[in-house]
């Protein structure tokens, strides 16, 4: 693939952004999503990379891809399903002709070796299967149009940030209590690392209220 689905370089014609839905819309049966579990038929073996069960990354609806992506090459039906090696970032992609039931990976899936910036909070992260599923919109980049990945260009997110929102509201959080609490606990761990202890008490009270 000549173009990546998401990239940090300056955009060029034919690029695409995966933009998380905020607020959430397609919760029960999204067309494309990050995290959670793949919708994959039971007869399809769970992907392995170098003998390790791979972690699920995302599933993308090919019918929603812009026609000029990858110079018009690649599938425009079914779903592209991305998996990653637990430690070395090697990726495997499956093309699924149809969506199946939600599939959970094996118990040996984990996050060891992932982002070094999570040194404090990594031990508090849930197993990979507990990560929330987040629907995304596929946003093609056209010449002269703002890039939703660049700071200040996502007007919808900026408006939500300015007016504020309730993190406990269903359209602004993951889809179950355990993953919501897990994200709040990780945020608290990062705050403890960077802020003075006497500032944590009121924050803890706010989290308890949420």
N, C-alpha and C. Protein backbone atom coordinates (compact mmCIF):
# COMPACT_ATOMS: atom_id res chain seq x y z
N UNK A 1 0.84 -1.18 0.00
CA UNK A 1 0.00 0.00 0.00
C UNK A 1 0.88 1.24 0.00
N UNK A 2 0.65 2.11 -0.96
CA UNK A 2 1.49 3.28 -1.06
C UNK A 2 1.10 4.36 -0.07
N UNK A 3 -0.16 4.36 0.35
CA UNK A 3 -0.62 5.36 1.31
C UNK A 3 -1.04 4.67 2.59
N UNK A 4 -0.64 5.22 3.70
CA UNK A 4 -1.07 4.66 4.98
C UNK A 4 -2.44 5.22 5.34
N UNK A 5 -3.18 4.47 6.18
CA UNK A 5 -4.49 4.93 6.60
C UNK A 5 -4.38 6.12 7.54
N UNK A 6 -3.31 6.17 8.31
CA UNK A 6 -3.11 7.29 9.22
C UNK A 6 -1.63 7.57 9.30
N UNK A 7 -1.22 8.84 9.22
CA UNK A 7 0.19 9.16 9.14
C UNK A 7 0.45 10.52 9.78
N UNK A 8 1.70 10.74 10.20
CA UNK A 8 2.06 12.00 10.84
C UNK A 8 2.69 13.00 9.86
N UNK A 9 2.99 12.58 8.65
CA UNK A 9 3.59 13.52 7.72
C UNK A 9 2.53 14.47 7.19
N UNK A 10 2.97 15.49 6.45
CA UNK A 10 2.03 16.43 5.86
C UNK A 10 1.12 15.70 4.88
N UNK A 11 -0.17 16.02 4.88
CA UNK A 11 -1.09 15.29 4.01
C UNK A 11 -0.85 15.58 2.55
N UNK A 12 -1.20 14.62 1.69
CA UNK A 12 -1.14 14.79 0.26
C UNK A 12 -2.40 14.18 -0.33
N UNK A 13 -2.75 14.50 -1.58
CA UNK A 13 -3.98 13.98 -2.15
C UNK A 13 -4.02 12.45 -2.08
N UNK A 14 -5.16 11.92 -1.67
CA UNK A 14 -5.30 10.48 -1.54
C UNK A 14 -5.09 9.97 -0.14
N UNK A 15 -4.75 10.85 0.81
CA UNK A 15 -4.59 10.44 2.19
C UNK A 15 -5.95 10.32 2.87
N UNK A 16 -5.94 9.63 4.01
CA UNK A 16 -7.18 9.37 4.74
C UNK A 16 -6.89 9.45 6.23
N UNK A 17 -7.82 9.99 6.99
CA UNK A 17 -7.72 10.03 8.44
C UNK A 17 -8.83 9.18 9.05
N UNK A 18 -8.48 8.46 10.11
CA UNK A 18 -9.47 7.75 10.91
C UNK A 18 -9.79 8.64 12.11
N UNK A 19 -10.96 9.24 12.12
CA UNK A 19 -11.32 10.25 13.12
C UNK A 19 -12.32 9.64 14.09
N UNK A 20 -11.94 9.46 15.37
CA UNK A 20 -12.89 8.92 16.35
C UNK A 20 -14.14 9.78 16.45
N UNK A 21 -15.27 9.12 16.56
CA UNK A 21 -16.54 9.83 16.67
C UNK A 21 -16.69 10.42 18.07
N UNK A 22 -16.84 11.75 18.14
CA UNK A 22 -17.11 12.46 19.40
C UNK A 22 -18.14 13.54 19.10
N UNK A 23 -19.36 13.40 19.61
CA UNK A 23 -19.86 12.29 20.44
C UNK A 23 -20.09 11.03 19.61
N UNK A 24 -20.21 9.91 20.30
CA UNK A 24 -20.39 8.62 19.65
C UNK A 24 -21.75 8.54 18.96
N UNK A 25 -21.76 7.85 17.80
CA UNK A 25 -23.01 7.63 17.08
C UNK A 25 -23.25 6.13 16.81
N UNK A 26 -22.29 5.50 16.15
CA UNK A 26 -22.47 4.12 15.71
C UNK A 26 -21.90 3.16 16.75
N UNK A 27 -22.58 3.05 17.88
CA UNK A 27 -22.04 2.30 19.00
C UNK A 27 -22.24 0.80 18.84
N UNK A 28 -23.46 0.37 18.57
CA UNK A 28 -23.77 -1.06 18.57
C UNK A 28 -23.14 -1.80 17.41
N UNK A 29 -23.19 -1.24 16.21
CA UNK A 29 -22.66 -1.93 15.03
C UNK A 29 -21.99 -0.93 14.12
N UNK A 30 -20.80 -0.47 14.46
CA UNK A 30 -20.11 0.54 13.64
C UNK A 30 -19.65 -0.06 12.32
N UNK A 31 -19.41 0.81 11.35
CA UNK A 31 -18.88 0.37 10.06
C UNK A 31 -17.36 0.26 10.11
N UNK A 32 -16.72 1.15 10.84
CA UNK A 32 -15.27 1.12 11.03
C UNK A 32 -15.00 1.50 12.48
N UNK A 33 -13.97 0.88 13.09
CA UNK A 33 -13.70 1.18 14.50
C UNK A 33 -12.26 0.86 14.86
N UNK A 34 -11.81 1.47 15.96
CA UNK A 34 -10.52 1.20 16.57
C UNK A 34 -10.73 0.44 17.87
N UNK A 35 -9.85 -0.50 18.19
CA UNK A 35 -9.89 -1.19 19.47
C UNK A 35 -11.07 -2.13 19.59
N UNK A 36 -11.21 -2.67 20.81
CA UNK A 36 -12.28 -3.63 21.04
C UNK A 36 -11.94 -4.97 20.42
N UNK A 37 -12.87 -5.51 19.64
CA UNK A 37 -12.71 -6.83 19.05
C UNK A 37 -13.06 -6.78 17.57
N UNK A 38 -12.49 -7.68 16.77
CA UNK A 38 -12.88 -7.75 15.36
C UNK A 38 -14.22 -8.45 15.20
N UNK A 39 -14.96 -8.10 14.15
CA UNK A 39 -16.17 -8.81 13.77
C UNK A 39 -15.76 -9.79 12.68
N UNK A 40 -15.44 -11.01 13.09
CA UNK A 40 -14.77 -11.97 12.20
C UNK A 40 -15.39 -13.35 12.36
N UNK A 41 -15.66 -14.02 11.25
CA UNK A 41 -16.31 -15.33 11.27
C UNK A 41 -15.49 -16.32 12.10
N UNK A 42 -16.18 -17.23 12.75
CA UNK A 42 -15.53 -18.19 13.65
C UNK A 42 -14.54 -19.10 12.93
N UNK A 43 -14.78 -19.39 11.64
CA UNK A 43 -13.90 -20.33 10.94
C UNK A 43 -12.56 -19.71 10.55
N UNK A 44 -12.43 -18.39 10.70
CA UNK A 44 -11.16 -17.72 10.37
C UNK A 44 -10.24 -17.79 11.58
N UNK A 45 -9.08 -18.36 11.39
CA UNK A 45 -8.12 -18.51 12.49
C UNK A 45 -7.64 -17.13 12.95
N UNK A 46 -7.46 -17.00 14.26
CA UNK A 46 -6.92 -15.75 14.81
C UNK A 46 -5.50 -15.56 14.28
N UNK A 47 -5.17 -14.39 13.71
CA UNK A 47 -3.86 -14.18 13.10
C UNK A 47 -2.71 -14.32 14.09
N UNK A 48 -1.63 -14.91 13.61
CA UNK A 48 -0.38 -14.99 14.36
C UNK A 48 0.73 -14.32 13.56
N UNK A 49 1.67 -13.72 14.29
CA UNK A 49 2.84 -13.10 13.68
C UNK A 49 4.06 -13.62 14.41
N UNK A 50 4.95 -14.30 13.71
CA UNK A 50 6.16 -14.88 14.31
C UNK A 50 5.80 -15.79 15.49
N UNK A 51 4.72 -16.56 15.32
CA UNK A 51 4.35 -17.52 16.35
C UNK A 51 3.59 -16.95 17.53
N UNK A 52 3.29 -15.65 17.51
CA UNK A 52 2.55 -15.02 18.60
C UNK A 52 1.17 -14.61 18.12
N UNK A 53 0.16 -14.80 18.99
CA UNK A 53 -1.17 -14.28 18.68
C UNK A 53 -1.10 -12.76 18.61
N UNK A 54 -1.63 -12.20 17.53
CA UNK A 54 -1.54 -10.76 17.29
C UNK A 54 -2.66 -10.02 17.99
N UNK A 55 -2.39 -8.78 18.37
CA UNK A 55 -3.40 -7.91 18.96
C UNK A 55 -4.23 -7.26 17.85
N UNK A 56 -5.53 -7.15 18.08
CA UNK A 56 -6.40 -6.47 17.12
C UNK A 56 -6.25 -4.96 17.25
N UNK A 57 -6.15 -4.29 16.09
CA UNK A 57 -6.03 -2.84 16.07
C UNK A 57 -7.31 -2.16 15.61
N UNK A 58 -7.77 -2.48 14.40
CA UNK A 58 -8.93 -1.79 13.86
C UNK A 58 -9.52 -2.58 12.70
N UNK A 59 -10.77 -2.24 12.37
CA UNK A 59 -11.46 -2.85 11.24
C UNK A 59 -12.08 -1.72 10.42
N UNK A 60 -11.80 -1.71 9.11
CA UNK A 60 -12.15 -0.60 8.24
C UNK A 60 -13.07 -1.08 7.13
N UNK A 61 -14.18 -0.38 6.94
CA UNK A 61 -15.13 -0.70 5.88
C UNK A 61 -14.60 -0.22 4.53
N UNK A 62 -14.31 -1.15 3.63
CA UNK A 62 -13.72 -0.79 2.34
C UNK A 62 -14.67 0.03 1.48
N UNK A 63 -15.98 -0.18 1.64
CA UNK A 63 -16.95 0.56 0.84
C UNK A 63 -16.92 2.05 1.14
N UNK A 64 -16.39 2.43 2.32
CA UNK A 64 -16.33 3.84 2.71
C UNK A 64 -15.01 4.51 2.34
N UNK A 65 -14.09 3.76 1.73
CA UNK A 65 -12.82 4.34 1.32
C UNK A 65 -13.02 5.21 0.09
N UNK A 66 -12.36 6.36 0.02
CA UNK A 66 -12.50 7.21 -1.18
C UNK A 66 -11.94 6.53 -2.41
N UNK A 67 -12.52 6.83 -3.55
CA UNK A 67 -12.16 6.13 -4.79
C UNK A 67 -10.73 6.38 -5.22
N UNK A 68 -10.15 7.55 -4.84
CA UNK A 68 -8.79 7.86 -5.28
C UNK A 68 -7.72 7.38 -4.31
N UNK A 69 -8.11 6.75 -3.19
CA UNK A 69 -7.12 6.26 -2.24
C UNK A 69 -6.27 5.17 -2.89
N UNK A 70 -4.94 5.19 -2.68
CA UNK A 70 -4.00 4.22 -3.25
C UNK A 70 -4.09 4.20 -4.78
N UNK A 71 -4.40 5.36 -5.38
CA UNK A 71 -4.48 5.43 -6.82
C UNK A 71 -5.61 4.60 -7.39
N UNK A 72 -6.66 4.36 -6.60
CA UNK A 72 -7.78 3.57 -7.07
C UNK A 72 -7.60 2.08 -6.89
N UNK A 73 -6.44 1.65 -6.41
CA UNK A 73 -6.18 0.23 -6.21
C UNK A 73 -6.72 -0.22 -4.86
N UNK A 74 -6.74 -1.52 -4.65
CA UNK A 74 -7.19 -2.06 -3.37
C UNK A 74 -8.68 -2.34 -3.37
N UNK A 75 -9.14 -3.11 -2.39
CA UNK A 75 -10.55 -3.53 -2.36
C UNK A 75 -11.48 -2.37 -2.02
N UNK A 76 -12.69 -2.44 -2.56
CA UNK A 76 -13.75 -1.49 -2.22
C UNK A 76 -14.99 -2.22 -1.73
N UNK A 77 -14.79 -3.43 -1.25
CA UNK A 77 -15.87 -4.19 -0.63
C UNK A 77 -15.28 -4.96 0.55
N UNK A 78 -16.11 -5.36 1.48
CA UNK A 78 -15.63 -6.08 2.66
C UNK A 78 -14.97 -5.17 3.66
N UNK A 79 -14.11 -5.76 4.49
CA UNK A 79 -13.46 -5.02 5.57
C UNK A 79 -11.97 -5.37 5.62
N UNK A 80 -11.13 -4.37 5.85
CA UNK A 80 -9.72 -4.58 6.14
C UNK A 80 -9.58 -4.63 7.66
N UNK A 81 -8.98 -5.71 8.15
CA UNK A 81 -8.86 -5.92 9.59
C UNK A 81 -7.39 -5.99 9.95
N UNK A 82 -6.95 -5.09 10.83
CA UNK A 82 -5.53 -4.91 11.15
C UNK A 82 -5.19 -5.53 12.50
N UNK A 83 -4.08 -6.26 12.53
CA UNK A 83 -3.56 -6.87 13.74
C UNK A 83 -2.09 -6.50 13.87
N UNK A 84 -1.59 -6.47 15.13
CA UNK A 84 -0.20 -6.08 15.38
C UNK A 84 0.45 -7.06 16.35
N UNK A 85 1.73 -7.30 16.16
CA UNK A 85 2.50 -8.17 17.05
C UNK A 85 2.56 -7.55 18.44
N UNK A 86 2.49 -8.36 19.51
CA UNK A 86 2.45 -7.80 20.87
C UNK A 86 3.66 -6.96 21.26
N UNK A 87 4.81 -7.15 20.61
CA UNK A 87 6.00 -6.44 21.07
C UNK A 87 6.76 -5.68 19.98
N UNK A 88 6.74 -6.14 18.73
CA UNK A 88 7.66 -5.52 17.75
C UNK A 88 6.96 -4.72 16.66
N UNK A 89 5.65 -4.51 16.76
CA UNK A 89 4.90 -3.64 15.86
C UNK A 89 4.74 -4.18 14.44
N UNK A 90 5.12 -5.43 14.18
CA UNK A 90 4.83 -6.03 12.88
C UNK A 90 3.32 -6.14 12.72
N UNK A 91 2.82 -5.86 11.52
CA UNK A 91 1.38 -5.79 11.28
C UNK A 91 0.96 -6.84 10.26
N UNK A 92 -0.22 -7.40 10.47
CA UNK A 92 -0.84 -8.29 9.50
C UNK A 92 -2.25 -7.78 9.21
N UNK A 93 -2.63 -7.81 7.93
CA UNK A 93 -3.93 -7.30 7.51
C UNK A 93 -4.72 -8.42 6.84
N UNK A 94 -5.96 -8.62 7.28
CA UNK A 94 -6.87 -9.57 6.65
C UNK A 94 -7.94 -8.80 5.89
N UNK A 95 -8.32 -9.33 4.72
CA UNK A 95 -9.47 -8.77 4.01
C UNK A 95 -10.63 -9.73 4.20
N UNK A 96 -11.67 -9.27 4.91
CA UNK A 96 -12.83 -10.08 5.21
C UNK A 96 -13.96 -9.70 4.26
N UNK A 97 -14.60 -10.70 3.66
CA UNK A 97 -15.68 -10.43 2.71
C UNK A 97 -16.96 -10.02 3.41
N UNK A 98 -17.12 -10.42 4.68
CA UNK A 98 -18.31 -10.06 5.43
C UNK A 98 -17.98 -9.97 6.91
N UNK A 99 -18.86 -9.29 7.64
CA UNK A 99 -18.68 -9.17 9.08
C UNK A 99 -19.22 -10.42 9.77
N UNK A 100 -18.52 -10.86 10.80
CA UNK A 100 -18.96 -11.99 11.59
C UNK A 100 -19.32 -11.53 12.99
N UNK A 101 -19.40 -12.46 13.94
CA UNK A 101 -19.67 -12.08 15.33
C UNK A 101 -18.44 -11.43 15.96
N UNK A 102 -18.66 -10.73 17.07
CA UNK A 102 -17.52 -10.17 17.79
C UNK A 102 -16.64 -11.32 18.29
N UNK A 103 -15.34 -11.23 18.01
CA UNK A 103 -14.39 -12.27 18.40
C UNK A 103 -13.42 -11.74 19.45
N UNK A 104 -13.19 -12.52 20.48
CA UNK A 104 -12.18 -12.18 21.48
C UNK A 104 -10.95 -13.04 21.25
N UNK A 105 -9.78 -12.43 21.42
CA UNK A 105 -8.54 -13.17 21.24
C UNK A 105 -8.23 -14.04 22.45
N UNK A 106 -7.09 -14.70 22.39
CA UNK A 106 -6.70 -15.60 23.46
C UNK A 106 -6.22 -14.82 24.68
N UNK A 107 -6.06 -15.53 25.79
CA UNK A 107 -5.70 -14.88 27.05
C UNK A 107 -4.26 -14.38 27.07
N UNK A 108 -3.43 -14.79 26.13
CA UNK A 108 -2.02 -14.39 26.16
C UNK A 108 -1.78 -13.03 25.49
N UNK A 109 -2.82 -12.38 25.02
CA UNK A 109 -2.64 -11.07 24.41
C UNK A 109 -2.30 -10.04 25.48
N UNK A 110 -1.39 -9.13 25.17
CA UNK A 110 -0.99 -8.13 26.15
C UNK A 110 -0.42 -6.90 25.48
N UNK A 111 0.18 -6.02 26.27
CA UNK A 111 0.71 -4.76 25.75
C UNK A 111 2.19 -4.61 26.07
N UNK A 112 2.88 -5.69 26.45
CA UNK A 112 4.28 -5.55 26.82
C UNK A 112 5.07 -4.99 25.64
N UNK A 113 5.98 -4.08 25.93
CA UNK A 113 6.81 -3.50 24.89
C UNK A 113 6.18 -2.32 24.17
N UNK A 114 4.91 -2.00 24.45
CA UNK A 114 4.28 -0.87 23.80
C UNK A 114 4.76 0.43 24.43
N UNK A 115 4.19 1.55 24.05
CA UNK A 115 4.67 2.90 24.31
C UNK A 115 5.43 3.05 25.63
N UNK A 116 6.67 3.51 25.55
CA UNK A 116 7.48 3.74 26.76
C UNK A 116 6.97 4.91 27.57
N UNK A 117 6.09 5.74 27.01
CA UNK A 117 5.55 6.87 27.76
C UNK A 117 4.54 6.44 28.81
N UNK A 118 4.18 5.14 28.82
CA UNK A 118 3.22 4.64 29.79
C UNK A 118 3.91 3.90 30.93
N UNK A 119 5.13 4.29 31.26
CA UNK A 119 5.90 3.53 32.24
C UNK A 119 5.19 3.39 33.57
N UNK A 120 4.51 4.44 34.02
CA UNK A 120 3.83 4.38 35.30
C UNK A 120 2.48 3.69 35.19
N UNK A 121 1.70 4.08 34.19
CA UNK A 121 0.34 3.58 34.09
C UNK A 121 0.21 2.24 33.40
N UNK A 122 1.27 1.74 32.75
CA UNK A 122 1.14 0.52 31.96
C UNK A 122 0.66 -0.65 32.80
N UNK A 123 1.16 -0.76 34.03
CA UNK A 123 0.78 -1.90 34.87
C UNK A 123 -0.69 -1.85 35.25
N UNK A 124 -1.34 -0.68 35.11
CA UNK A 124 -2.75 -0.55 35.46
C UNK A 124 -3.67 -0.76 34.26
N UNK A 125 -3.10 -0.87 33.05
CA UNK A 125 -3.93 -1.08 31.89
C UNK A 125 -4.57 -2.46 31.92
N UNK A 126 -5.77 -2.54 31.41
CA UNK A 126 -6.48 -3.80 31.36
C UNK A 126 -5.89 -4.70 30.27
N UNK A 127 -6.19 -6.01 30.29
CA UNK A 127 -5.77 -6.87 29.18
C UNK A 127 -6.29 -6.32 27.86
N UNK A 128 -5.61 -6.69 26.78
CA UNK A 128 -5.93 -6.12 25.48
C UNK A 128 -7.39 -6.33 25.11
N UNK A 129 -7.98 -7.44 25.54
CA UNK A 129 -9.37 -7.72 25.20
C UNK A 129 -10.34 -6.77 25.89
N UNK A 130 -9.89 -6.05 26.92
CA UNK A 130 -10.77 -5.15 27.65
C UNK A 130 -10.77 -3.74 27.08
N UNK A 131 -9.97 -3.48 26.06
CA UNK A 131 -9.91 -2.13 25.50
C UNK A 131 -11.24 -1.80 24.84
N UNK A 132 -11.71 -0.58 24.95
CA UNK A 132 -13.02 -0.22 24.39
C UNK A 132 -12.98 -0.16 22.86
N UNK A 133 -14.13 -0.39 22.27
CA UNK A 133 -14.30 -0.24 20.82
C UNK A 133 -14.75 1.18 20.54
N UNK A 134 -14.04 1.87 19.63
CA UNK A 134 -14.39 3.25 19.35
C UNK A 134 -14.66 3.44 17.86
N UNK A 135 -15.91 3.76 17.48
CA UNK A 135 -16.22 3.97 16.06
C UNK A 135 -15.44 5.16 15.51
N UNK A 136 -15.07 5.05 14.24
CA UNK A 136 -14.35 6.13 13.57
C UNK A 136 -15.04 6.48 12.26
N UNK A 137 -14.88 7.72 11.85
CA UNK A 137 -15.29 8.18 10.53
C UNK A 137 -14.06 8.20 9.63
N UNK A 138 -14.23 7.80 8.38
CA UNK A 138 -13.15 7.83 7.41
C UNK A 138 -13.20 9.17 6.68
N UNK A 139 -12.18 10.01 6.93
CA UNK A 139 -12.18 11.37 6.43
C UNK A 139 -11.09 11.54 5.37
N UNK A 140 -11.46 11.60 4.08
CA UNK A 140 -10.45 11.82 3.04
C UNK A 140 -9.90 13.24 3.11
N UNK A 141 -8.65 13.39 2.76
CA UNK A 141 -8.01 14.70 2.73
C UNK A 141 -7.94 15.19 1.30
N UNK A 142 -8.47 16.37 1.05
CA UNK A 142 -8.45 16.97 -0.28
C UNK A 142 -7.55 18.21 -0.26
N UNK A 143 -6.93 18.53 -1.37
CA UNK A 143 -6.06 19.71 -1.41
C UNK A 143 -6.79 20.96 -0.94
N UNK A 144 -6.18 21.67 0.00
CA UNK A 144 -6.74 22.91 0.51
C UNK A 144 -7.71 22.75 1.66
N UNK A 145 -8.09 21.51 1.99
CA UNK A 145 -9.02 21.30 3.10
C UNK A 145 -8.24 21.11 4.40
N UNK A 146 -8.83 21.49 5.56
CA UNK A 146 -8.13 21.32 6.83
C UNK A 146 -7.92 19.85 7.16
N UNK A 147 -6.81 19.56 7.83
CA UNK A 147 -6.49 18.20 8.23
C UNK A 147 -7.00 17.97 9.65
N UNK A 148 -7.94 17.04 9.87
CA UNK A 148 -8.48 16.84 11.22
C UNK A 148 -7.46 16.33 12.21
N UNK A 149 -6.30 15.83 11.74
CA UNK A 149 -5.29 15.32 12.65
C UNK A 149 -4.43 16.44 13.22
N UNK A 150 -4.35 17.58 12.54
CA UNK A 150 -3.50 18.67 12.98
C UNK A 150 -4.22 19.50 14.03
N UNK A 151 -3.46 19.96 15.02
CA UNK A 151 -4.03 20.72 16.14
C UNK A 151 -4.77 21.95 15.65
N UNK A 152 -5.98 22.14 16.19
CA UNK A 152 -6.75 23.31 15.85
C UNK A 152 -7.62 23.17 14.63
N UNK A 153 -7.53 22.06 13.91
CA UNK A 153 -8.29 21.91 12.68
C UNK A 153 -9.55 21.09 12.86
N UNK A 154 -9.72 20.46 14.00
CA UNK A 154 -10.94 19.69 14.22
C UNK A 154 -11.96 20.59 14.92
N UNK A 155 -12.80 21.25 14.14
CA UNK A 155 -13.74 22.22 14.71
C UNK A 155 -14.74 21.56 15.65
N UNK A 156 -15.21 20.36 15.29
CA UNK A 156 -16.21 19.69 16.13
C UNK A 156 -15.64 19.40 17.51
N UNK A 157 -14.42 18.82 17.56
CA UNK A 157 -13.81 18.51 18.85
C UNK A 157 -13.50 19.78 19.63
N UNK A 158 -13.07 20.83 18.93
CA UNK A 158 -12.74 22.08 19.60
C UNK A 158 -13.99 22.70 20.24
N UNK A 159 -15.11 22.65 19.54
CA UNK A 159 -16.35 23.20 20.09
C UNK A 159 -16.78 22.43 21.34
N UNK A 160 -16.65 21.09 21.30
CA UNK A 160 -16.99 20.28 22.48
C UNK A 160 -16.07 20.63 23.64
N UNK A 161 -14.78 20.83 23.35
CA UNK A 161 -13.82 21.18 24.40
C UNK A 161 -14.17 22.52 25.04
N UNK A 162 -14.54 23.49 24.21
CA UNK A 162 -14.82 24.83 24.72
C UNK A 162 -16.06 24.84 25.62
N UNK A 163 -17.11 24.15 25.23
CA UNK A 163 -18.34 24.20 26.02
C UNK A 163 -18.35 23.20 27.16
N UNK A 164 -17.41 22.23 27.13
CA UNK A 164 -17.33 21.23 28.18
C UNK A 164 -18.34 20.11 27.98
N UNK A 165 -18.11 18.97 28.65
CA UNK A 165 -19.04 17.86 28.54
C UNK A 165 -18.90 16.97 29.76
N UNK A 166 -19.89 16.16 29.98
CA UNK A 166 -19.92 15.25 31.12
C UNK A 166 -19.29 13.93 30.71
N UNK A 167 -18.15 13.58 31.32
CA UNK A 167 -17.45 12.36 30.94
C UNK A 167 -18.28 11.12 31.23
N UNK A 168 -19.27 11.23 32.12
CA UNK A 168 -20.13 10.09 32.43
C UNK A 168 -21.25 9.92 31.42
N UNK A 169 -21.42 10.88 30.52
CA UNK A 169 -22.48 10.77 29.52
C UNK A 169 -22.10 9.70 28.49
N UNK A 170 -23.03 8.82 28.12
CA UNK A 170 -22.70 7.67 27.26
C UNK A 170 -22.05 8.04 25.93
N UNK A 171 -22.42 9.20 25.35
CA UNK A 171 -21.85 9.53 24.04
C UNK A 171 -20.43 10.05 24.12
N UNK A 172 -19.86 10.19 25.33
CA UNK A 172 -18.51 10.69 25.47
C UNK A 172 -17.60 9.73 26.23
N UNK A 173 -17.93 8.48 26.26
CA UNK A 173 -17.10 7.53 27.01
C UNK A 173 -17.16 6.16 26.34
N UNK A 174 -16.27 5.26 26.75
CA UNK A 174 -16.35 3.88 26.27
C UNK A 174 -17.66 3.23 26.71
N UNK A 175 -17.83 1.97 26.34
CA UNK A 175 -19.18 1.42 26.34
C UNK A 175 -19.53 0.57 27.54
N UNK A 176 -18.67 0.50 28.54
CA UNK A 176 -19.04 -0.21 29.76
C UNK A 176 -18.31 0.41 30.94
N UNK A 177 -18.75 0.04 32.12
CA UNK A 177 -18.24 0.66 33.34
C UNK A 177 -16.76 0.36 33.56
N UNK A 178 -16.34 -0.89 33.32
CA UNK A 178 -14.97 -1.28 33.63
C UNK A 178 -13.94 -0.53 32.79
N UNK A 179 -14.20 -0.36 31.48
CA UNK A 179 -13.22 0.35 30.65
C UNK A 179 -13.22 1.84 30.98
N UNK A 180 -14.38 2.40 31.32
CA UNK A 180 -14.42 3.81 31.74
C UNK A 180 -13.59 4.02 32.99
N UNK A 181 -13.78 3.17 33.99
CA UNK A 181 -13.00 3.29 35.23
C UNK A 181 -11.52 3.07 34.97
N UNK A 182 -11.20 2.13 34.07
CA UNK A 182 -9.80 1.88 33.74
C UNK A 182 -9.12 3.11 33.16
N UNK A 183 -9.80 3.81 32.25
CA UNK A 183 -9.24 5.02 31.66
C UNK A 183 -9.09 6.12 32.71
N UNK A 184 -10.07 6.26 33.62
CA UNK A 184 -9.97 7.27 34.67
C UNK A 184 -8.83 6.96 35.63
N UNK A 185 -8.64 5.67 35.95
CA UNK A 185 -7.55 5.29 36.85
C UNK A 185 -6.19 5.57 36.21
N UNK A 186 -6.07 5.31 34.91
CA UNK A 186 -4.83 5.59 34.22
C UNK A 186 -4.56 7.10 34.19
N UNK A 187 -5.61 7.89 33.95
CA UNK A 187 -5.45 9.35 33.96
C UNK A 187 -5.01 9.83 35.34
N UNK A 188 -5.58 9.24 36.38
CA UNK A 188 -5.19 9.62 37.74
C UNK A 188 -3.73 9.28 38.01
N UNK A 189 -3.29 8.10 37.52
CA UNK A 189 -1.90 7.71 37.71
C UNK A 189 -0.94 8.70 37.06
N UNK A 190 -1.30 9.20 35.88
CA UNK A 190 -0.46 10.18 35.21
C UNK A 190 -0.46 11.51 35.96
N UNK A 191 -1.61 11.88 36.53
CA UNK A 191 -1.67 13.12 37.31
C UNK A 191 -0.80 13.04 38.55
N UNK A 192 -0.82 11.88 39.22
CA UNK A 192 0.01 11.70 40.40
C UNK A 192 1.48 11.87 40.05
N UNK A 193 1.85 11.43 38.86
CA UNK A 193 3.25 11.51 38.45
C UNK A 193 3.69 12.96 38.24
N UNK A 194 2.80 13.81 37.73
CA UNK A 194 3.19 15.15 37.33
C UNK A 194 2.76 16.25 38.30
N UNK A 195 1.76 15.98 39.14
CA UNK A 195 1.25 17.04 40.01
C UNK A 195 1.56 16.75 41.47
N UNK A 196 1.51 17.80 42.27
CA UNK A 196 1.75 17.64 43.71
C UNK A 196 0.63 16.81 44.32
N UNK A 197 0.95 16.08 45.40
CA UNK A 197 -0.01 15.20 46.04
C UNK A 197 -1.24 15.97 46.54
N UNK A 198 -1.04 17.20 47.05
CA UNK A 198 -2.17 17.94 47.63
C UNK A 198 -3.18 18.39 46.58
N UNK A 199 -2.82 18.28 45.28
CA UNK A 199 -3.76 18.62 44.22
C UNK A 199 -4.62 17.43 43.81
N UNK A 200 -4.22 16.23 44.21
CA UNK A 200 -4.90 15.03 43.76
C UNK A 200 -6.22 14.81 44.49
N UNK A 201 -6.31 15.22 45.77
CA UNK A 201 -7.53 14.94 46.55
C UNK A 201 -8.80 15.45 45.89
N UNK A 202 -8.89 16.73 45.50
CA UNK A 202 -10.13 17.18 44.84
C UNK A 202 -10.37 16.47 43.52
N UNK A 203 -9.31 16.12 42.78
CA UNK A 203 -9.47 15.39 41.53
C UNK A 203 -10.02 14.00 41.79
N UNK A 204 -9.53 13.36 42.87
CA UNK A 204 -10.02 12.03 43.24
C UNK A 204 -11.51 12.11 43.58
N UNK A 205 -11.90 13.17 44.29
CA UNK A 205 -13.30 13.34 44.64
C UNK A 205 -14.18 13.48 43.41
N UNK A 206 -13.67 14.22 42.42
CA UNK A 206 -14.44 14.40 41.19
C UNK A 206 -14.58 13.07 40.44
N UNK A 207 -13.49 12.27 40.39
CA UNK A 207 -13.55 10.98 39.73
C UNK A 207 -14.53 10.05 40.45
N UNK A 208 -14.53 10.11 41.78
CA UNK A 208 -15.47 9.27 42.52
C UNK A 208 -16.91 9.64 42.23
N UNK A 209 -17.17 10.94 42.09
CA UNK A 209 -18.52 11.39 41.75
C UNK A 209 -18.93 10.92 40.37
N UNK A 210 -17.98 10.95 39.41
CA UNK A 210 -18.27 10.45 38.07
C UNK A 210 -18.59 8.97 38.10
